[in-house]
Amino acid sequence: KALKALFEKHDGFVPLPIMKNSKTVDPRDKKSTKVVQLETAMGHAIECFPGATALVVPRTRFAPVKTTNDLFSLRSDAYILTHDQRVVL
């Protein structure tokens, strides 16, 4: 109900703060063209729900996806879902 109300209030969006990261096109080459990366962090969404609390979840409960290779691995049959709902390689 709370998420539906938030979407209705903000035309289908969660109003998350935008973070600005200054980078270069090639992060390995400091002389490459400078760019600005704009991103949001879903962790900030908790601020949108009064009374919400955070839970500490051990890293064994999820498989982080930071690269395309991580995503390919997770979507492959290399990972399995255990009886206690953990995703493991």
Protein backbone atom coordinates (compact mmCIF):
# COMPACT_ATOMS: atom_id res chain seq x y z
CA LYS A 1 0.00 0.00 0.00
CA ALA A 2 2.79 2.41 0.92
CA LEU A 3 4.68 1.80 -2.34
CA LYS A 4 1.52 2.22 -4.41
CA ALA A 5 0.76 5.49 -2.62
CA LEU A 6 4.32 6.72 -3.22
CA PHE A 7 4.09 5.90 -6.94
CA GLU A 8 0.74 7.64 -7.22
CA LYS A 9 2.05 10.74 -5.44
CA HIS A 10 5.16 11.00 -7.66
CA ASP A 11 3.80 9.89 -11.07
CA GLY A 12 5.27 6.38 -10.90
CA PHE A 13 8.69 7.31 -9.51
CA VAL A 14 10.45 7.00 -6.16
CA PRO A 15 11.93 10.44 -5.37
CA LEU A 16 15.53 9.43 -4.69
CA PRO A 17 18.39 11.93 -4.34
CA ILE A 18 20.76 12.07 -7.30
CA MET A 19 24.47 11.59 -6.65
CA LYS A 20 27.09 13.15 -8.93
CA ASN A 21 30.31 11.23 -9.59
CA SER A 22 33.09 12.89 -11.56
CA LYS A 23 34.98 10.33 -13.63
CA THR A 24 36.89 9.89 -16.85
CA VAL A 25 35.67 7.92 -19.86
CA ASP A 26 38.49 5.44 -19.26
CA PRO A 27 38.98 5.17 -15.49
CA ARG A 28 42.44 3.66 -16.05
CA ASP A 29 43.56 6.79 -17.92
CA LYS A 30 43.33 10.00 -15.89
CA LYS A 31 43.93 12.02 -19.09
CA SER A 32 40.87 10.65 -20.87
CA THR A 33 37.78 12.80 -21.32
CA LYS A 34 36.14 13.89 -18.08
CA VAL A 35 32.48 12.93 -17.61
CA VAL A 36 29.86 13.19 -14.90
CA GLN A 37 27.94 10.08 -13.86
CA LEU A 38 24.55 10.61 -12.24
CA GLU A 39 23.14 7.79 -10.14
CA THR A 40 20.74 7.01 -7.35
CA ALA A 41 21.07 4.52 -4.53
CA MET A 42 18.08 2.37 -3.70
CA GLY A 43 19.21 2.40 -0.08
CA HIS A 44 17.91 5.96 0.06
CA ALA A 45 14.37 4.72 -0.65
CA ILE A 46 13.91 3.89 3.03
CA GLU A 47 13.63 7.66 3.64
CA CYS A 48 10.41 7.66 1.59
CA PHE A 49 8.56 5.41 4.04
CA PRO A 50 7.91 6.89 7.50
CA GLY A 51 8.59 4.39 10.26
CA ALA A 52 10.61 2.07 8.01
CA THR A 53 13.65 0.34 9.48
CA ALA A 54 16.69 -1.30 7.94
CA LEU A 55 17.80 -4.89 8.38
CA VAL A 56 21.35 -6.12 8.32
CA VAL A 57 21.51 -8.92 5.78
CA PRO A 58 24.66 -11.05 5.63
CA ARG A 59 26.45 -11.17 2.28
CA THR A 60 25.74 -14.91 2.14
CA ARG A 61 22.07 -14.05 1.47
CA PHE A 62 22.63 -12.35 -1.88
CA ALA A 63 24.92 -12.31 -4.91
CA PRO A 64 26.05 -8.76 -5.69
CA VAL A 65 25.90 -7.64 -9.32
CA LYS A 66 28.52 -4.99 -10.05
CA THR A 67 29.57 -6.00 -13.57
CA THR A 68 28.00 -7.47 -16.68
CA ASN A 69 29.92 -10.68 -15.97
CA ASP A 70 28.31 -10.83 -12.51
CA LEU A 71 24.88 -10.53 -14.14
CA PHE A 72 25.66 -13.19 -16.75
CA SER A 73 26.88 -15.54 -14.00
CA LEU A 74 23.80 -15.00 -11.87
CA ARG A 75 21.45 -15.54 -14.82
CA SER A 76 23.28 -18.71 -15.86
CA ASP A 77 22.80 -22.14 -14.38
CA ALA A 78 26.06 -21.76 -12.42
CA TYR A 79 24.17 -20.50 -9.34
CA ILE A 80 21.70 -22.55 -7.36
CA LEU A 81 19.04 -21.61 -4.82
CA THR A 82 19.59 -23.53 -1.58
CA HIS A 83 16.88 -24.91 0.70
CA ASP A 84 17.34 -21.88 2.98
CA GLN A 85 16.84 -19.46 0.06
CA ARG A 86 20.51 -18.49 -0.47
CA VAL A 87 21.92 -18.00 -3.97
CA VAL A 88 25.28 -19.79 -4.18
CA LEU A 89 27.80 -20.48 -6.94
